[in-house]
Amino acid sequence: MGKRSEFARRPMDAYQTIDPKAVERLRPYLRGVRFYAEPCRGEGRLERQLNNAGLVCLWSSDIADIDPSIDALSLTAEDLGAVDAIITNPPWSRPILHRMILHFQKIAPTWLLFDADWAHTGQAAPYLSQCSHIVSVGRLKWIEGTKQTGKDNCAWYHFDANHTAGPRFCWAEMAVAA
C-alpha cells in the first residue's frame, strides 16, 4: 500500500486500522470528544479501539456496505445525531479524500488518518487553512499477520469548518511512545 510498492492496492483502499499506535497517538487530542461517528468503518477495527478508549460511537457504516443507499458523502448532521466528532481512516485516493474533507468538516469536527506526506504537497493547500492539528503517527501496520509496517508515515488531520488559521504540527508524544 503506497507509492513505493509493487503490490496492487486493495479495492476501496480497504486497509484496516489494526495498529493500536494510531489511536494511542490520537487520544491526547480527543479531550471533549465523547460521541463520534465512523463513516469508513471497514471491518470496525478503528471503531473497536476508540470504544475501548472510552468513546461512544453513535453512528458507523462503511462506504462499501451492503446497503448502497448509504454513502459517506451524502451524510448529514441529522444522520449522525449529536456527535462531537467524525473519526475515520478514509480512502487515501485523493479525489475521494478531498471530497470527504470538505463534506465531513461541515457536519462535525473531523479527524482523518492518512499519509503524512499529503500536508507537504500543493494539493493540500486548499484544505490546510481549516486543518487545526496534524498529529504525527509514523508508520503503521495495516496487514494482519505481517511483521512489516507500511512504507508511508501517517498522521491524524483535524479539520473544522470554523477553523481558518491553519495547522499546528504535533509530534511530541511520539518521543514518549517510541
N, C-alpha and C. Protein backbone atom coordinates (compact mmCIF):
# COMPACT_ATOMS: atom_id res chain seq x y z
N MET A 1 0.85 -1.17 0.00
CA MET A 1 0.00 0.00 0.00
C MET A 1 0.88 1.22 0.00
N GLY A 2 0.98 1.92 -1.07
CA GLY A 2 1.74 3.15 -1.07
C GLY A 2 2.45 3.38 -2.38
N LYS A 3 3.12 4.50 -2.44
CA LYS A 3 3.75 4.90 -3.69
C LYS A 3 5.06 4.18 -3.96
N ARG A 4 5.62 3.50 -2.97
CA ARG A 4 6.88 2.80 -3.15
C ARG A 4 6.70 1.29 -3.09
N SER A 5 5.60 0.80 -3.59
CA SER A 5 5.30 -0.62 -3.51
C SER A 5 4.85 -1.15 -4.86
N GLU A 6 5.19 -2.39 -5.12
CA GLU A 6 4.76 -3.05 -6.35
C GLU A 6 3.44 -3.80 -6.15
N PHE A 7 2.97 -3.86 -4.93
CA PHE A 7 1.73 -4.59 -4.64
C PHE A 7 0.53 -3.81 -5.15
N ALA A 8 -0.45 -4.54 -5.66
CA ALA A 8 -1.69 -3.91 -6.09
C ALA A 8 -2.43 -3.38 -4.87
N ARG A 9 -3.04 -2.23 -5.01
CA ARG A 9 -3.83 -1.67 -3.90
C ARG A 9 -5.09 -2.48 -3.71
N ARG A 10 -5.55 -2.53 -2.49
CA ARG A 10 -6.80 -3.21 -2.18
C ARG A 10 -7.96 -2.37 -2.70
N PRO A 11 -9.01 -3.03 -3.19
CA PRO A 11 -10.18 -2.27 -3.65
C PRO A 11 -10.72 -1.37 -2.54
N MET A 12 -11.14 -0.16 -2.91
CA MET A 12 -11.70 0.83 -1.99
C MET A 12 -10.72 1.21 -0.88
N ASP A 13 -9.41 1.01 -1.09
CA ASP A 13 -8.40 1.29 -0.07
C ASP A 13 -8.75 0.62 1.26
N ALA A 14 -9.15 -0.63 1.21
CA ALA A 14 -9.62 -1.36 2.40
C ALA A 14 -8.45 -1.84 3.25
N TYR A 15 -7.79 -0.90 3.90
CA TYR A 15 -6.71 -1.22 4.82
C TYR A 15 -7.23 -0.96 6.23
N GLN A 16 -7.26 -2.00 7.04
CA GLN A 16 -7.85 -1.92 8.38
C GLN A 16 -6.86 -1.29 9.36
N THR A 17 -7.38 -0.50 10.27
CA THR A 17 -6.56 0.16 11.28
C THR A 17 -6.32 -0.82 12.41
N ILE A 18 -5.36 -1.74 12.20
CA ILE A 18 -5.09 -2.78 13.20
C ILE A 18 -4.04 -2.35 14.22
N ASP A 19 -3.23 -1.37 13.88
CA ASP A 19 -2.13 -0.95 14.74
C ASP A 19 -2.66 -0.03 15.84
N PRO A 20 -2.54 -0.44 17.11
CA PRO A 20 -3.08 0.40 18.20
C PRO A 20 -2.36 1.74 18.35
N LYS A 21 -1.18 1.87 17.74
CA LYS A 21 -0.44 3.13 17.82
C LYS A 21 -1.26 4.30 17.26
N ALA A 22 -2.10 4.02 16.27
CA ALA A 22 -2.89 5.09 15.66
C ALA A 22 -3.79 5.77 16.70
N VAL A 23 -4.50 4.98 17.48
CA VAL A 23 -5.40 5.55 18.50
C VAL A 23 -4.61 6.09 19.68
N GLU A 24 -3.53 5.40 20.06
CA GLU A 24 -2.71 5.88 21.17
C GLU A 24 -2.22 7.30 20.92
N ARG A 25 -1.79 7.59 19.70
CA ARG A 25 -1.27 8.92 19.38
C ARG A 25 -2.38 9.97 19.32
N LEU A 26 -3.59 9.54 18.99
CA LEU A 26 -4.71 10.49 18.87
C LEU A 26 -5.35 10.81 20.22
N ARG A 27 -5.34 9.89 21.15
CA ARG A 27 -6.08 10.04 22.42
C ARG A 27 -5.86 11.38 23.14
N PRO A 28 -4.64 11.90 23.24
CA PRO A 28 -4.48 13.17 23.96
C PRO A 28 -5.23 14.35 23.32
N TYR A 29 -5.60 14.21 22.05
CA TYR A 29 -6.26 15.29 21.33
C TYR A 29 -7.78 15.13 21.29
N LEU A 30 -8.27 14.11 21.98
CA LEU A 30 -9.71 13.84 21.97
C LEU A 30 -10.42 14.34 23.22
N ARG A 31 -9.78 15.20 23.98
CA ARG A 31 -10.45 15.77 25.15
C ARG A 31 -11.70 16.50 24.67
N GLY A 32 -12.80 16.26 25.33
CA GLY A 32 -14.05 16.89 24.94
C GLY A 32 -14.83 16.08 23.91
N VAL A 33 -14.24 15.01 23.39
CA VAL A 33 -14.95 14.14 22.45
C VAL A 33 -15.42 12.91 23.22
N ARG A 34 -16.71 12.74 23.28
CA ARG A 34 -17.30 11.55 23.91
C ARG A 34 -18.01 10.71 22.86
N PHE A 35 -18.79 11.38 22.01
CA PHE A 35 -19.58 10.69 20.99
C PHE A 35 -19.01 10.98 19.60
N TYR A 36 -18.89 9.94 18.80
CA TYR A 36 -18.30 10.13 17.48
C TYR A 36 -19.04 9.29 16.44
N ALA A 37 -18.74 9.57 15.19
CA ALA A 37 -19.26 8.79 14.06
C ALA A 37 -18.06 8.24 13.30
N GLU A 38 -18.22 7.05 12.73
CA GLU A 38 -17.16 6.39 11.95
C GLU A 38 -17.74 6.02 10.58
N PRO A 39 -17.62 6.89 9.58
CA PRO A 39 -18.26 6.65 8.29
C PRO A 39 -17.49 5.78 7.31
N CYS A 40 -16.28 5.38 7.64
CA CYS A 40 -15.48 4.50 6.75
C CYS A 40 -15.01 3.30 7.57
N ARG A 41 -15.92 2.61 8.18
CA ARG A 41 -15.67 1.61 9.20
C ARG A 41 -14.85 0.41 8.74
N GLY A 42 -15.02 -0.03 7.53
CA GLY A 42 -14.33 -1.25 7.12
C GLY A 42 -14.78 -2.40 7.98
N GLU A 43 -13.83 -3.10 8.58
CA GLU A 43 -14.14 -4.23 9.47
C GLU A 43 -14.39 -3.78 10.91
N GLY A 44 -14.29 -2.49 11.19
CA GLY A 44 -14.59 -1.97 12.53
C GLY A 44 -13.42 -1.97 13.50
N ARG A 45 -12.21 -2.13 13.01
CA ARG A 45 -11.04 -2.18 13.90
C ARG A 45 -10.82 -0.85 14.62
N LEU A 46 -10.86 0.25 13.88
CA LEU A 46 -10.67 1.56 14.49
C LEU A 46 -11.81 1.85 15.48
N GLU A 47 -13.01 1.53 15.09
CA GLU A 47 -14.17 1.74 15.97
C GLU A 47 -14.00 1.01 17.29
N ARG A 48 -13.57 -0.24 17.26
CA ARG A 48 -13.38 -1.00 18.49
C ARG A 48 -12.29 -0.38 19.36
N GLN A 49 -11.21 0.07 18.73
CA GLN A 49 -10.13 0.69 19.52
C GLN A 49 -10.61 1.99 20.18
N LEU A 50 -11.37 2.79 19.44
CA LEU A 50 -11.88 4.03 20.01
C LEU A 50 -12.87 3.75 21.14
N ASN A 51 -13.72 2.75 20.96
CA ASN A 51 -14.66 2.38 22.01
C ASN A 51 -13.92 1.88 23.25
N ASN A 52 -12.86 1.09 23.05
CA ASN A 52 -12.05 0.62 24.18
C ASN A 52 -11.35 1.76 24.89
N ALA A 53 -11.13 2.86 24.19
CA ALA A 53 -10.52 4.06 24.79
C ALA A 53 -11.55 4.93 25.52
N GLY A 54 -12.82 4.49 25.54
CA GLY A 54 -13.85 5.21 26.29
C GLY A 54 -14.77 6.08 25.47
N LEU A 55 -14.60 6.12 24.16
CA LEU A 55 -15.50 6.89 23.32
C LEU A 55 -16.73 6.05 22.97
N VAL A 56 -17.79 6.72 22.56
CA VAL A 56 -19.03 6.04 22.21
C VAL A 56 -19.36 6.35 20.75
N CYS A 57 -19.47 5.32 19.95
CA CYS A 57 -19.80 5.50 18.54
C CYS A 57 -21.32 5.56 18.39
N LEU A 58 -21.82 6.70 17.94
CA LEU A 58 -23.27 6.85 17.73
C LEU A 58 -23.70 6.42 16.34
N TRP A 59 -22.77 6.41 15.39
CA TRP A 59 -23.12 6.04 14.03
C TRP A 59 -21.89 5.51 13.33
N SER A 60 -22.05 4.37 12.66
CA SER A 60 -20.95 3.87 11.84
C SER A 60 -21.51 3.10 10.66
N SER A 61 -20.77 3.13 9.59
CA SER A 61 -21.10 2.40 8.39
C SER A 61 -19.82 2.34 7.57
N ASP A 62 -19.92 1.73 6.43
CA ASP A 62 -18.77 1.69 5.55
C ASP A 62 -19.21 2.08 4.16
N ILE A 63 -18.35 2.72 3.43
CA ILE A 63 -18.71 3.16 2.10
C ILE A 63 -18.94 2.00 1.16
N ALA A 64 -18.55 0.79 1.57
CA ALA A 64 -18.76 -0.38 0.72
C ALA A 64 -19.77 -1.35 1.34
N ASP A 65 -20.55 -0.90 2.30
CA ASP A 65 -21.54 -1.78 2.93
C ASP A 65 -22.57 -2.31 1.94
N ILE A 66 -23.31 -3.27 2.39
CA ILE A 66 -24.33 -3.92 1.55
C ILE A 66 -25.39 -2.94 1.08
N ASP A 67 -25.75 -1.95 1.90
CA ASP A 67 -26.79 -1.00 1.54
C ASP A 67 -26.21 0.14 0.71
N PRO A 68 -26.40 0.12 -0.61
CA PRO A 68 -25.80 1.16 -1.45
C PRO A 68 -26.43 2.54 -1.27
N SER A 69 -27.54 2.62 -0.54
CA SER A 69 -28.16 3.93 -0.32
C SER A 69 -27.38 4.75 0.71
N ILE A 70 -26.50 4.10 1.45
CA ILE A 70 -25.68 4.80 2.43
C ILE A 70 -24.37 5.19 1.77
N ASP A 71 -24.16 6.47 1.65
CA ASP A 71 -22.96 7.00 1.01
C ASP A 71 -22.36 8.02 1.97
N ALA A 72 -21.11 7.83 2.36
CA ALA A 72 -20.47 8.73 3.32
C ALA A 72 -20.52 10.18 2.86
N LEU A 73 -20.52 10.40 1.57
CA LEU A 73 -20.52 11.77 1.05
C LEU A 73 -21.92 12.39 0.99
N SER A 74 -22.93 11.63 1.35
CA SER A 74 -24.27 12.20 1.41
C SER A 74 -24.79 12.28 2.84
N LEU A 75 -23.94 11.98 3.81
CA LEU A 75 -24.35 12.05 5.21
C LEU A 75 -24.69 13.48 5.60
N THR A 76 -25.60 13.60 6.55
CA THR A 76 -25.97 14.91 7.09
C THR A 76 -25.79 14.87 8.61
N ALA A 77 -25.81 16.02 9.23
CA ALA A 77 -25.72 16.09 10.69
C ALA A 77 -26.88 15.34 11.32
N GLU A 78 -28.03 15.37 10.68
CA GLU A 78 -29.19 14.65 11.21
C GLU A 78 -28.97 13.14 11.19
N ASP A 79 -28.27 12.64 10.17
CA ASP A 79 -27.96 11.22 10.10
C ASP A 79 -27.10 10.77 11.28
N LEU A 80 -26.16 11.63 11.67
CA LEU A 80 -25.17 11.24 12.67
C LEU A 80 -25.58 11.53 14.10
N GLY A 81 -26.58 12.35 14.30
CA GLY A 81 -27.01 12.67 15.66
C GLY A 81 -26.05 13.64 16.33
N ALA A 82 -26.01 13.59 17.64
CA ALA A 82 -25.25 14.56 18.43
C ALA A 82 -23.80 14.12 18.62
N VAL A 83 -23.08 13.92 17.53
CA VAL A 83 -21.68 13.52 17.65
C VAL A 83 -20.80 14.74 17.94
N ASP A 84 -19.74 14.50 18.68
CA ASP A 84 -18.75 15.54 18.95
C ASP A 84 -17.72 15.61 17.83
N ALA A 85 -17.56 14.49 17.11
CA ALA A 85 -16.54 14.44 16.06
C ALA A 85 -16.82 13.28 15.11
N ILE A 86 -16.25 13.40 13.93
CA ILE A 86 -16.15 12.29 13.00
C ILE A 86 -14.70 11.83 13.07
N ILE A 87 -14.50 10.53 13.26
CA ILE A 87 -13.15 9.97 13.35
C ILE A 87 -13.09 8.77 12.43
N THR A 88 -12.18 8.80 11.45
CA THR A 88 -12.15 7.69 10.50
C THR A 88 -10.80 7.59 9.78
N ASN A 89 -10.56 6.42 9.24
CA ASN A 89 -9.43 6.15 8.34
C ASN A 89 -10.04 6.08 6.95
N PRO A 90 -10.05 7.20 6.22
CA PRO A 90 -10.75 7.24 4.93
C PRO A 90 -9.91 6.62 3.81
N PRO A 91 -10.51 6.41 2.65
CA PRO A 91 -9.70 6.04 1.49
C PRO A 91 -8.68 7.15 1.23
N TRP A 92 -7.49 6.77 0.82
CA TRP A 92 -6.44 7.76 0.57
C TRP A 92 -6.46 8.27 -0.86
N SER A 93 -7.30 7.73 -1.68
CA SER A 93 -7.43 8.19 -3.06
C SER A 93 -7.83 9.66 -3.02
N ARG A 94 -7.03 10.52 -3.61
CA ARG A 94 -7.21 11.96 -3.45
C ARG A 94 -8.58 12.49 -3.86
N PRO A 95 -9.15 12.09 -4.97
CA PRO A 95 -10.47 12.65 -5.30
C PRO A 95 -11.53 12.35 -4.23
N ILE A 96 -11.49 11.15 -3.66
CA ILE A 96 -12.46 10.79 -2.60
C ILE A 96 -12.08 11.49 -1.30
N LEU A 97 -10.81 11.42 -0.94
CA LEU A 97 -10.34 12.02 0.30
C LEU A 97 -10.66 13.51 0.37
N HIS A 98 -10.37 14.23 -0.68
CA HIS A 98 -10.62 15.68 -0.67
C HIS A 98 -12.10 16.00 -0.55
N ARG A 99 -12.94 15.22 -1.20
CA ARG A 99 -14.38 15.43 -1.06
C ARG A 99 -14.83 15.14 0.37
N MET A 100 -14.25 14.11 1.00
CA MET A 100 -14.61 13.78 2.38
C MET A 100 -14.18 14.88 3.34
N ILE A 101 -13.00 15.45 3.14
CA ILE A 101 -12.55 16.55 4.00
C ILE A 101 -13.58 17.68 3.97
N LEU A 102 -13.94 18.11 2.79
CA LEU A 102 -14.89 19.22 2.66
C LEU A 102 -16.25 18.88 3.23
N HIS A 103 -16.72 17.66 2.99
CA HIS A 103 -18.06 17.27 3.43
C HIS A 103 -18.13 17.04 4.94
N PHE A 104 -17.22 16.24 5.48
CA PHE A 104 -17.29 15.87 6.90
C PHE A 104 -17.11 17.08 7.81
N GLN A 105 -16.18 17.99 7.49
CA GLN A 105 -15.92 19.11 8.39
C GLN A 105 -17.12 20.05 8.51
N LYS A 106 -18.03 20.00 7.54
CA LYS A 106 -19.26 20.81 7.63
C LYS A 106 -20.25 20.20 8.63
N ILE A 107 -20.13 18.90 8.86
CA ILE A 107 -21.05 18.19 9.76
C ILE A 107 -20.56 18.27 11.20
N ALA A 108 -19.27 18.00 11.41
CA ALA A 108 -18.69 17.99 12.75
C ALA A 108 -17.18 18.10 12.63
N PRO A 109 -16.50 18.54 13.69
CA PRO A 109 -15.05 18.49 13.66
C PRO A 109 -14.62 17.07 13.28
N THR A 110 -13.59 16.96 12.44
CA THR A 110 -13.27 15.68 11.82
C THR A 110 -11.80 15.32 11.97
N TRP A 111 -11.55 14.09 12.42
CA TRP A 111 -10.19 13.54 12.49
C TRP A 111 -10.08 12.48 11.41
N LEU A 112 -9.11 12.66 10.49
CA LEU A 112 -8.88 11.70 9.41
C LEU A 112 -7.45 11.18 9.49
N LEU A 113 -7.29 9.87 9.34
CA LEU A 113 -5.98 9.23 9.36
C LEU A 113 -5.55 8.92 7.94
N PHE A 114 -4.47 9.56 7.49
CA PHE A 114 -3.94 9.24 6.17
C PHE A 114 -2.47 9.66 6.11
N ASP A 115 -1.87 9.55 4.94
CA ASP A 115 -0.42 9.72 4.82
C ASP A 115 0.04 11.12 5.20
N ALA A 116 1.15 11.15 5.94
CA ALA A 116 1.70 12.41 6.44
C ALA A 116 2.24 13.29 5.32
N ASP A 117 2.72 12.70 4.24
CA ASP A 117 3.27 13.49 3.13
C ASP A 117 2.28 14.46 2.52
N TRP A 118 1.00 14.14 2.59
CA TRP A 118 -0.03 14.96 1.96
C TRP A 118 0.11 16.44 2.35
N ALA A 119 0.41 16.71 3.61
CA ALA A 119 0.48 18.09 4.10
C ALA A 119 1.58 18.90 3.43
N HIS A 120 2.51 18.22 2.79
CA HIS A 120 3.66 18.89 2.19
C HIS A 120 3.56 18.94 0.67
N THR A 121 2.34 18.84 0.17
CA THR A 121 2.14 18.89 -1.28
C THR A 121 1.24 20.06 -1.65
N GLY A 122 1.32 20.47 -2.88
CA GLY A 122 0.48 21.56 -3.36
C GLY A 122 -0.99 21.24 -3.30
N GLN A 123 -1.35 19.96 -3.47
CA GLN A 123 -2.77 19.59 -3.46
C GLN A 123 -3.41 19.82 -2.10
N ALA A 124 -2.61 19.91 -1.03
CA ALA A 124 -3.14 20.12 0.31
C ALA A 124 -3.51 21.59 0.56
N ALA A 125 -2.92 22.49 -0.21
CA ALA A 125 -3.08 23.93 0.04
C ALA A 125 -4.53 24.39 0.22
N PRO A 126 -5.49 23.94 -0.60
CA PRO A 126 -6.85 24.43 -0.42
C PRO A 126 -7.53 23.97 0.88
N TYR A 127 -6.94 22.99 1.56
CA TYR A 127 -7.59 22.39 2.73
C TYR A 127 -6.90 22.73 4.04
N LEU A 128 -5.65 23.17 3.99
CA LEU A 128 -4.86 23.33 5.21
C LEU A 128 -5.34 24.46 6.12
N SER A 129 -5.96 25.49 5.59
CA SER A 129 -6.42 26.57 6.48
C SER A 129 -7.45 26.06 7.48
N GLN A 130 -8.22 25.06 7.11
CA GLN A 130 -9.24 24.52 8.01
C GLN A 130 -8.77 23.29 8.77
N CYS A 131 -7.48 23.00 8.69
CA CYS A 131 -6.87 21.92 9.44
C CYS A 131 -6.22 22.53 10.67
N SER A 132 -6.69 22.19 11.87
CA SER A 132 -6.14 22.80 13.07
C SER A 132 -4.95 22.04 13.64
N HIS A 133 -4.93 20.71 13.48
CA HIS A 133 -3.84 19.90 14.04
C HIS A 133 -3.44 18.82 13.04
N ILE A 134 -2.17 18.55 13.01
CA ILE A 134 -1.63 17.39 12.30
C ILE A 134 -0.83 16.62 13.34
N VAL A 135 -1.31 15.43 13.69
CA VAL A 135 -0.68 14.63 14.73
C VAL A 135 0.09 13.49 14.07
N SER A 136 1.40 13.55 14.13
CA SER A 136 2.23 12.53 13.52
C SER A 136 2.06 11.20 14.23
N VAL A 137 1.97 10.16 13.43
CA VAL A 137 1.81 8.80 13.96
C VAL A 137 3.01 7.94 13.60
N GLY A 138 3.61 8.18 12.45
CA GLY A 138 4.69 7.32 11.98
C GLY A 138 4.13 6.21 11.10
N ARG A 139 4.89 5.18 10.91
CA ARG A 139 4.45 4.07 10.06
C ARG A 139 3.59 3.11 10.86
N LEU A 140 2.54 2.63 10.24
CA LEU A 140 1.60 1.72 10.88
C LEU A 140 1.58 0.37 10.18
N LYS A 141 1.22 -0.64 10.94
CA LYS A 141 0.99 -1.96 10.37
C LYS A 141 -0.47 -2.00 9.89
N TRP A 142 -0.67 -2.41 8.63
CA TRP A 142 -2.00 -2.42 8.03
C TRP A 142 -2.50 -3.84 7.73
N ILE A 143 -1.58 -4.79 7.61
CA ILE A 143 -1.94 -6.14 7.19
C ILE A 143 -1.80 -7.09 8.36
N GLU A 144 -2.88 -7.72 8.74
CA GLU A 144 -2.91 -8.69 9.84
C GLU A 144 -1.93 -9.81 9.56
N GLY A 145 -1.15 -10.17 10.58
CA GLY A 145 -0.24 -11.30 10.46
C GLY A 145 1.12 -10.97 9.87
N THR A 146 1.34 -9.73 9.47
CA THR A 146 2.65 -9.36 8.95
C THR A 146 3.47 -8.67 10.03
N LYS A 147 4.76 -8.69 9.85
CA LYS A 147 5.64 -8.00 10.79
C LYS A 147 5.99 -6.61 10.29
N GLN A 148 5.77 -6.38 8.99
CA GLN A 148 6.16 -5.11 8.39
C GLN A 148 5.08 -4.04 8.57
N THR A 149 5.57 -2.81 8.67
CA THR A 149 4.66 -1.67 8.65
C THR A 149 4.55 -1.20 7.20
N GLY A 150 3.63 -0.30 6.96
CA GLY A 150 3.52 0.31 5.64
C GLY A 150 4.75 1.16 5.36
N LYS A 151 4.91 1.59 4.13
CA LYS A 151 6.08 2.38 3.74
C LYS A 151 5.85 3.88 3.86
N ASP A 152 4.63 4.29 4.17
CA ASP A 152 4.32 5.71 4.30
C ASP A 152 4.10 6.07 5.77
N ASN A 153 4.64 7.20 6.19
CA ASN A 153 4.32 7.71 7.51
C ASN A 153 2.89 8.22 7.48
N CYS A 154 2.23 8.14 8.61
CA CYS A 154 0.82 8.54 8.71
C CYS A 154 0.66 9.68 9.71
N ALA A 155 -0.47 10.33 9.62
CA ALA A 155 -0.80 11.40 10.55
C ALA A 155 -2.32 11.49 10.68
N TRP A 156 -2.75 11.96 11.82
CA TRP A 156 -4.15 12.33 12.01
C TRP A 156 -4.26 13.81 11.66
N TYR A 157 -5.26 14.14 10.87
CA TYR A 157 -5.53 15.52 10.48
C TYR A 157 -6.88 15.92 11.08
N HIS A 158 -6.90 17.05 11.76
CA HIS A 158 -8.15 17.55 12.35
C HIS A 158 -8.67 18.72 11.51
N PHE A 159 -9.84 18.52 10.91
CA PHE A 159 -10.46 19.54 10.07
C PHE A 159 -11.71 20.07 10.75
N ASP A 160 -11.89 21.37 10.68
CA ASP A 160 -13.06 22.02 11.27
C ASP A 160 -13.43 23.21 10.39
N ALA A 161 -14.65 23.23 9.92
CA ALA A 161 -15.10 24.29 9.02
C ALA A 161 -15.01 25.67 9.68
N ASN A 162 -14.99 25.72 11.01
CA ASN A 162 -14.92 27.00 11.72
C ASN A 162 -13.49 27.45 11.98
N HIS A 163 -12.52 26.64 11.63
CA HIS A 163 -11.11 26.97 11.85
C HIS A 163 -10.53 27.53 10.56
N THR A 164 -9.74 28.60 10.66
CA THR A 164 -9.16 29.19 9.46
C THR A 164 -7.68 29.52 9.59
N ALA A 165 -7.07 29.20 10.73
CA ALA A 165 -5.70 29.63 10.99
C ALA A 165 -4.63 28.63 10.55
N GLY A 166 -5.01 27.52 9.98
CA GLY A 166 -4.02 26.54 9.56
C GLY A 166 -3.59 25.61 10.67
N PRO A 167 -2.71 24.65 10.35
CA PRO A 167 -2.41 23.59 11.30
C PRO A 167 -1.28 23.88 12.27
N ARG A 168 -1.36 23.15 13.35
CA ARG A 168 -0.28 23.04 14.33
C ARG A 168 0.22 21.61 14.21
N PHE A 169 1.51 21.42 13.97
CA PHE A 169 2.07 20.08 13.89
C PHE A 169 2.35 19.57 15.29
N CYS A 170 1.92 18.35 15.57
CA CYS A 170 2.03 17.79 16.92
C CYS A 170 2.77 16.46 16.84
N TRP A 171 3.96 16.39 17.43
CA TRP A 171 4.69 15.14 17.41
C TRP A 171 5.41 14.84 18.71
N ALA A 172 5.26 15.66 19.72
CA ALA A 172 5.98 15.47 20.99
C ALA A 172 5.67 14.11 21.62
N GLU A 173 4.45 13.62 21.48
CA GLU A 173 4.06 12.36 22.08
C GLU A 173 4.82 11.19 21.48
N MET A 174 5.29 11.35 20.24
CA MET A 174 5.99 10.26 19.56
C MET A 174 7.26 9.88 20.31
N ALA A 175 7.98 10.85 20.85
CA ALA A 175 9.22 10.56 21.54
C ALA A 175 8.96 9.71 22.78
N VAL A 176 7.84 9.95 23.45
CA VAL A 176 7.48 9.20 24.65
C VAL A 176 7.06 7.78 24.28
N ALA A 177 6.28 7.66 23.21
CA ALA A 177 5.71 6.36 22.84
C ALA A 177 6.65 5.50 22.00
N ALA A 178 7.68 6.09 21.43
CA ALA A 178 8.55 5.33 20.52
C ALA A 178 9.41 4.32 21.23
